[in-house]
């Protein structure tokens, strides 16, 4: 999949996952068209299975992914996205069990970019509904996500303050309808610097304040704090890629935990960058009651070079 489609997306549903994960690649095709003020992409593809040798990855024939994505400007600074995404997984695992998943997602996004010249509000709001089948059950799931920020580009350090508030549906296994939201192929650092340790954006409610600043010599720094709860008390907690890590049943607690973190990034030039992350996951009542829950310290050093 071309990076231009990924750049249009917020990363909540489709991302190449650079940084905390091995880059996610797809094999398939894409068709681009312009209809009035709409720019539309249609695509069909399969994610690649990574192999250790160069240029030998093969498509994963157990997963199919297709969709139509449209973007149009509403004003000089506000953009509307509307899309349909389809997913077919031969083997999918949720708290209620394992089965063949065919899921359709219909959503819309309204966004305004971060200010570059004058102080102003920026935002990124998205809502999505999912339907389809999971084994013999139906699917009915949803999510709503928001990020609202304000940047001061004309003062020292160009600070930006923002807050995210998100919710996605969980399941009730007493019904014949799977209610667990599937984030498809989300960005690895969905919830900040604690990218690979979970919990992820499935069956969750979160509040996520953040502050960032631009330092001299192309260095940026940010601090954030994430608070997370379960949306459904009858569904478990999942990792960022979507794997079930703590099943429901041992605790009726809703609070999963909270995570302060910080990140420093140095963009040496347009090719080379260095990054340092540090975070702590403080286990909440659900984690402590479901398993020997304990706090987790996380740190990482990254470097990258883009040609």
Protein backbone atom coordinates (compact mmCIF):
# COMPACT_ATOMS: atom_id res chain seq x y z
CA UNK A 1 0.00 0.00 0.00
CA UNK A 2 1.37 3.40 -0.92
CA UNK A 3 2.49 5.73 1.83
CA UNK A 4 0.25 8.49 0.44
CA UNK A 5 -2.87 6.61 1.59
CA UNK A 6 -1.29 5.97 4.99
CA UNK A 7 -0.47 9.67 5.38
CA UNK A 8 -4.11 10.60 4.85
CA UNK A 9 -5.18 8.28 7.64
CA UNK A 10 -4.88 9.06 11.34
CA UNK A 11 -3.08 5.75 11.94
CA UNK A 12 -5.92 4.51 14.14
CA UNK A 13 -6.90 1.90 11.54
CA UNK A 14 -4.09 1.59 8.96
CA UNK A 15 -0.42 2.30 9.47
CA UNK A 16 2.93 0.90 8.34
CA UNK A 17 3.96 0.69 12.03
CA UNK A 18 7.44 2.10 11.67
CA UNK A 19 9.26 2.84 14.92
CA UNK A 20 8.15 0.36 17.57
CA UNK A 21 7.43 -2.51 15.16
CA UNK A 22 8.84 -4.14 12.06
CA UNK A 23 7.43 -2.22 9.10
CA UNK A 24 4.13 -3.67 7.92
CA UNK A 25 3.93 -4.27 4.18
CA UNK A 26 1.05 -5.16 1.86
CA UNK A 27 0.87 -6.74 -1.60
CA UNK A 28 -1.99 -5.67 -3.83
CA UNK A 29 -3.19 -2.86 -6.05
CA UNK A 30 -4.62 0.63 -5.70
CA UNK A 31 -6.70 2.78 -8.05
CA UNK A 32 -6.77 6.58 -7.67
CA UNK A 33 -9.49 8.89 -8.96
CA UNK A 34 -10.72 12.45 -8.60
CA UNK A 35 -14.45 13.22 -8.55
CA UNK A 36 -15.15 16.91 -8.06
CA UNK A 37 -13.41 17.95 -4.85
CA UNK A 38 -13.04 14.32 -3.72
CA UNK A 39 -9.78 12.38 -4.00
CA UNK A 40 -10.62 8.68 -3.86
CA UNK A 41 -8.45 5.58 -3.45
CA UNK A 42 -9.74 2.06 -4.04
CA UNK A 43 -7.52 -0.85 -3.03
CA UNK A 44 -7.38 -4.60 -2.45
CA UNK A 45 -4.38 -6.31 -0.85
CA UNK A 46 -2.99 -8.82 1.61
CA UNK A 47 -0.45 -8.17 4.40
CA UNK A 48 2.98 -9.74 3.88
CA UNK A 49 4.48 -12.56 5.92
CA UNK A 50 7.97 -11.44 6.95
CA UNK A 51 10.89 -13.73 6.11
CA UNK A 52 14.52 -13.17 7.19
CA UNK A 53 16.09 -12.97 3.70
CA UNK A 54 15.90 -9.97 1.36
CA UNK A 55 12.95 -9.62 -1.05
CA UNK A 56 11.39 -12.98 -0.17
CA UNK A 57 8.23 -11.94 1.71
CA UNK A 58 5.00 -13.59 0.55
CA UNK A 59 1.35 -12.52 0.91
CA UNK A 60 -0.61 -13.88 3.84
CA UNK A 61 -3.42 -15.72 2.06
CA UNK A 62 -5.31 -16.15 5.35
CA UNK A 63 -6.03 -12.38 5.44
CA UNK A 64 -7.70 -10.22 2.81
CA UNK A 65 -8.08 -6.44 3.05
CA UNK A 66 -9.88 -4.05 0.69
CA UNK A 67 -11.63 -0.72 0.72
CA UNK A 68 -12.48 2.70 -0.69
CA UNK A 69 -11.16 5.90 0.92
CA UNK A 70 -12.24 9.43 -0.01
CA UNK A 71 -10.87 12.81 1.11
CA UNK A 72 -12.15 16.32 0.40
CA UNK A 73 -11.48 19.81 1.85
CA UNK A 74 -14.36 21.55 3.59
CA UNK A 75 -12.49 24.81 4.20
CA UNK A 76 -8.89 25.94 3.76
CA UNK A 77 -7.86 24.08 6.92
CA UNK A 78 -10.57 21.48 7.63
CA UNK A 79 -10.69 18.12 5.83
CA UNK A 80 -13.39 15.45 5.66
CA UNK A 81 -12.50 11.76 5.17
CA UNK A 82 -15.09 9.05 4.46
CA UNK A 83 -14.27 5.39 3.92
CA UNK A 84 -15.31 1.76 3.71
CA UNK A 85 -12.84 -0.97 4.73
CA UNK A 86 -13.29 -4.74 4.42
CA UNK A 87 -11.37 -7.46 6.26
CA UNK A 88 -11.45 -11.25 5.85
CA UNK A 89 -9.46 -13.31 8.39
CA UNK A 90 -9.66 -17.11 8.18
CA UNK A 91 -8.69 -17.40 11.86
CA UNK A 92 -9.51 -14.61 14.32
CA UNK A 93 -9.31 -14.84 18.10
CA UNK A 94 -11.40 -12.87 20.58
CA UNK A 95 -12.42 -13.38 24.18
CA UNK A 96 -15.43 -15.46 23.09
CA UNK A 97 -13.34 -17.84 20.94
CA UNK A 98 -11.79 -18.51 17.53
CA UNK A 99 -13.56 -18.25 14.20
CA UNK A 100 -13.64 -16.98 10.62
CA UNK A 101 -14.08 -13.20 10.63
CA UNK A 102 -15.55 -11.13 7.79
CA UNK A 103 -15.80 -7.53 8.96
CA UNK A 104 -16.93 -4.35 7.21
CA UNK A 105 -16.07 -0.90 8.58
CA UNK A 106 -17.77 2.37 7.61
CA UNK A 107 -16.40 5.57 9.08
CA UNK A 108 -15.74 9.29 8.77
CA UNK A 109 -13.07 11.64 10.05
CA UNK A 110 -12.98 15.41 10.47
CA UNK A 111 -9.56 16.98 10.99
CA UNK A 112 -7.63 20.23 11.15
CA UNK A 113 -3.79 20.14 11.14
CA UNK A 114 -1.51 21.47 13.85
CA UNK A 115 -0.79 25.20 13.48
CA UNK A 116 2.49 26.15 11.80
CA UNK A 117 2.39 29.99 11.75
CA UNK A 118 -0.36 31.35 14.02
CA UNK A 119 -1.78 30.04 17.32
CA UNK A 120 -4.98 28.09 16.81
CA UNK A 121 -6.95 24.99 17.74
CA UNK A 122 -6.34 21.73 15.89
CA UNK A 123 -8.45 18.59 16.05
CA UNK A 124 -8.88 15.05 14.74
CA UNK A 125 -12.31 13.45 15.28
CA UNK A 126 -13.30 10.03 13.95
CA UNK A 127 -16.30 7.68 14.26
CA UNK A 128 -16.73 4.18 12.84
CA UNK A 129 -19.26 1.34 12.79
CA UNK A 130 -18.41 -2.30 12.02
CA UNK A 131 -20.66 -5.17 10.94
CA UNK A 132 -20.22 -8.65 9.45
CA UNK A 133 -19.88 -12.22 10.70
CA UNK A 134 -17.67 -14.11 13.14
CA UNK A 135 -18.20 -17.85 12.80
CA UNK A 136 -21.95 -18.30 13.23
CA UNK A 137 -22.32 -14.98 15.08
CA UNK A 138 -22.97 -11.52 13.72
CA UNK A 139 -20.69 -8.52 14.29
CA UNK A 140 -21.82 -5.12 15.55
CA UNK A 141 -18.99 -2.93 16.90
CA UNK A 142 -18.06 0.73 16.99
CA UNK A 143 -15.50 3.29 18.04
CA UNK A 144 -15.28 7.06 18.54
CA UNK A 145 -11.94 8.84 18.82
CA UNK A 146 -10.92 12.43 19.36
CA UNK A 147 -7.82 14.58 19.70
CA UNK A 148 -8.01 18.31 20.40
CA UNK A 149 -4.95 20.52 20.71
CA UNK A 150 -3.68 24.07 20.73
CA UNK A 151 -0.23 25.16 19.58
CA UNK A 152 1.65 28.42 20.22
CA UNK A 153 4.10 28.63 17.27
CA UNK A 154 5.12 32.24 17.98
CA UNK A 155 6.47 31.75 21.51
CA UNK A 156 9.72 30.02 22.64
CA UNK A 157 9.70 26.21 22.32
CA UNK A 158 6.46 26.38 20.26
CA UNK A 159 4.50 24.37 22.85
CA UNK A 160 1.42 22.36 22.02
CA UNK A 161 -1.06 21.04 24.57
CA UNK A 162 -3.56 18.36 23.59
CA UNK A 163 -5.92 15.75 24.95
CA UNK A 164 -7.32 12.57 23.45
CA UNK A 165 -10.54 10.86 24.51
CA UNK A 166 -11.42 7.55 22.87
CA UNK A 167 -13.83 4.66 23.29
CA UNK A 168 -14.30 1.36 21.47
CA UNK A 169 -16.88 -1.35 22.02
CA UNK A 170 -16.33 -4.65 23.79
CA UNK A 171 -18.22 -7.93 23.66
CA UNK A 172 -20.99 -9.60 25.64
CA UNK A 173 -20.62 -13.36 24.99
CA UNK A 174 -24.18 -14.02 26.22
CA UNK A 175 -25.46 -12.68 22.87
CA UNK A 176 -25.03 -14.03 19.33
CA UNK A 177 -23.41 -10.77 18.21
CA UNK A 178 -19.69 -10.11 18.56
CA UNK A 179 -19.32 -6.60 19.93
CA UNK A 180 -15.52 -6.41 20.06
CA UNK A 181 -14.14 -3.58 17.93
CA UNK A 182 -11.28 -4.54 15.57
CA UNK A 183 -8.74 -1.72 14.92
CA UNK A 184 -7.50 -3.58 11.79
CA UNK A 185 -3.82 -2.54 11.34
CA UNK A 186 -3.30 0.29 13.87
CA UNK A 187 -0.10 2.24 14.48
CA UNK A 188 2.27 0.60 16.93
CA UNK A 189 2.51 3.57 19.30
CA UNK A 190 -1.26 3.98 19.51
CA UNK A 191 -1.03 4.87 23.20
CA UNK A 192 2.30 6.67 23.37
CA UNK A 193 5.72 5.30 24.12
CA UNK A 194 4.55 2.04 25.76
CA UNK A 195 3.89 0.66 22.32
CA UNK A 196 4.70 -3.03 22.53
CA UNK A 197 3.45 -3.88 26.02
CA UNK A 198 -0.26 -3.21 25.61
CA UNK A 199 -3.08 -2.82 26.44
CA UNK A 200 -4.30 -1.86 23.00
CA UNK A 201 -7.23 -0.03 21.39
CA UNK A 202 -9.85 -2.78 21.78
CA UNK A 203 -12.63 -2.76 24.39
CA UNK A 204 -11.31 0.42 25.95
CA UNK A 205 -12.07 3.90 27.22
CA UNK A 206 -9.15 6.27 27.55
CA UNK A 207 -8.20 9.84 28.43
CA UNK A 208 -4.78 10.95 27.21
CA UNK A 209 -3.35 14.46 27.93
CA UNK A 210 -0.07 15.42 26.26
CA UNK A 211 2.35 18.35 26.12
CA UNK A 212 5.12 18.81 23.55
CA UNK A 213 7.80 21.38 22.75
CA UNK A 214 10.35 22.15 20.03
CA UNK A 215 13.89 22.60 21.36
CA UNK A 216 16.97 23.99 19.59
CA UNK A 217 18.88 21.94 17.00
CA UNK A 218 15.76 20.16 15.67
CA UNK A 219 15.03 18.38 18.96
CA UNK A 220 11.43 17.77 20.07
CA UNK A 221 10.25 16.53 23.45
CA UNK A 222 6.88 15.42 24.79
CA UNK A 223 5.30 14.08 27.97
CA UNK A 224 1.95 12.32 28.23
CA UNK A 225 -0.23 10.37 30.65
CA UNK A 226 -2.74 7.73 29.58
CA UNK A 227 -5.64 6.44 31.71
CA UNK A 228 -7.48 3.38 30.43
CA UNK A 229 -10.63 1.44 31.35
CA UNK A 230 -12.60 -1.47 29.81
CA UNK A 231 -15.74 -0.52 27.90
CA UNK A 232 -17.37 -3.94 28.47
CA UNK A 233 -16.82 -5.83 31.74
CA UNK A 234 -17.53 -9.11 29.94
CA UNK A 235 -14.65 -8.72 27.46
CA UNK A 236 -10.92 -8.91 28.06
CA UNK A 237 -7.89 -6.72 27.41
CA UNK A 238 -6.05 -6.93 24.09
CA UNK A 239 -2.60 -5.94 22.83
CA UNK A 240 -2.00 -3.19 20.26
CA UNK A 241 -1.90 -5.70 17.32
CA UNK A 242 -5.14 -7.25 18.59
CA UNK A 243 -4.13 -10.36 20.53
CA UNK A 244 -6.08 -11.23 23.69
CA UNK A 245 -3.66 -10.83 26.63
CA UNK A 246 -6.00 -10.90 29.68
CA UNK A 247 -9.36 -12.71 29.29
CA UNK A 248 -12.47 -11.59 31.12
CA UNK A 249 -13.96 -13.58 33.99
CA UNK A 250 -11.63 -13.19 36.97
CA UNK A 251 -12.42 -9.56 37.77
CA UNK A 252 -15.38 -7.22 37.45
CA UNK A 253 -13.13 -4.17 37.72
CA UNK A 254 -13.19 -1.65 34.88
CA UNK A 255 -9.89 0.21 35.46
CA UNK A 256 -6.99 -1.30 33.46
CA UNK A 257 -4.17 1.06 34.40
CA UNK A 258 -2.40 4.34 33.70
CA UNK A 259 0.84 5.15 31.87
CA UNK A 260 3.02 8.26 32.14
CA UNK A 261 5.69 8.56 29.48
CA UNK A 262 8.14 10.87 27.76
CA UNK A 263 9.83 11.02 24.38
CA UNK A 264 12.80 12.97 22.98
CA UNK A 265 13.54 13.00 19.26
CA UNK A 266 16.47 14.56 17.37
CA UNK A 267 15.99 15.04 13.63
CA UNK A 268 19.64 15.38 12.59
CA UNK A 269 18.75 16.02 8.94
CA UNK A 270 16.03 14.95 6.54
CA UNK A 271 17.46 11.42 6.50
CA UNK A 272 18.75 10.62 10.00
CA UNK A 273 16.94 10.70 13.37
CA UNK A 274 17.46 9.49 16.94
CA UNK A 275 14.76 8.92 19.54
CA UNK A 276 14.60 7.98 23.24
CA UNK A 277 11.42 6.78 24.99
CA UNK A 278 10.65 6.07 28.64
CA UNK A 279 7.38 5.06 30.27
CA UNK A 280 5.82 3.25 33.21
CA UNK A 281 2.67 1.15 33.19
CA UNK A 282 0.90 1.16 36.57
CA UNK A 283 -1.39 -1.86 36.74
CA UNK A 284 -5.02 -1.11 37.58
CA UNK A 285 -7.50 -3.15 39.55
CA UNK A 286 -8.54 -5.37 36.63
CA UNK A 287 -4.94 -6.39 35.85
CA UNK A 288 -4.11 -7.02 39.52
CA UNK A 289 -7.22 -9.14 40.12
CA UNK A 290 -6.97 -11.12 36.86
CA UNK A 291 -3.32 -12.17 37.12
CA UNK A 292 -0.22 -11.34 39.18
CA UNK A 293 -0.34 -7.77 37.90
CA UNK A 294 2.68 -5.60 38.45
CA UNK A 295 4.01 -2.27 37.25
CA UNK A 296 6.20 -2.21 34.16
CA UNK A 297 9.10 0.09 33.28
CA UNK A 298 9.81 0.58 29.59
CA UNK A 299 12.63 2.38 27.80
CA UNK A 300 13.92 2.29 24.27
CA UNK A 301 16.48 3.97 22.03
CA UNK A 302 15.74 4.26 18.31
CA UNK A 303 17.56 5.45 15.27
CA UNK A 304 16.49 5.56 11.65
CA UNK A 305 17.76 6.55 8.24
CA UNK A 306 15.47 7.25 5.31
CA UNK A 307 16.81 7.49 1.79
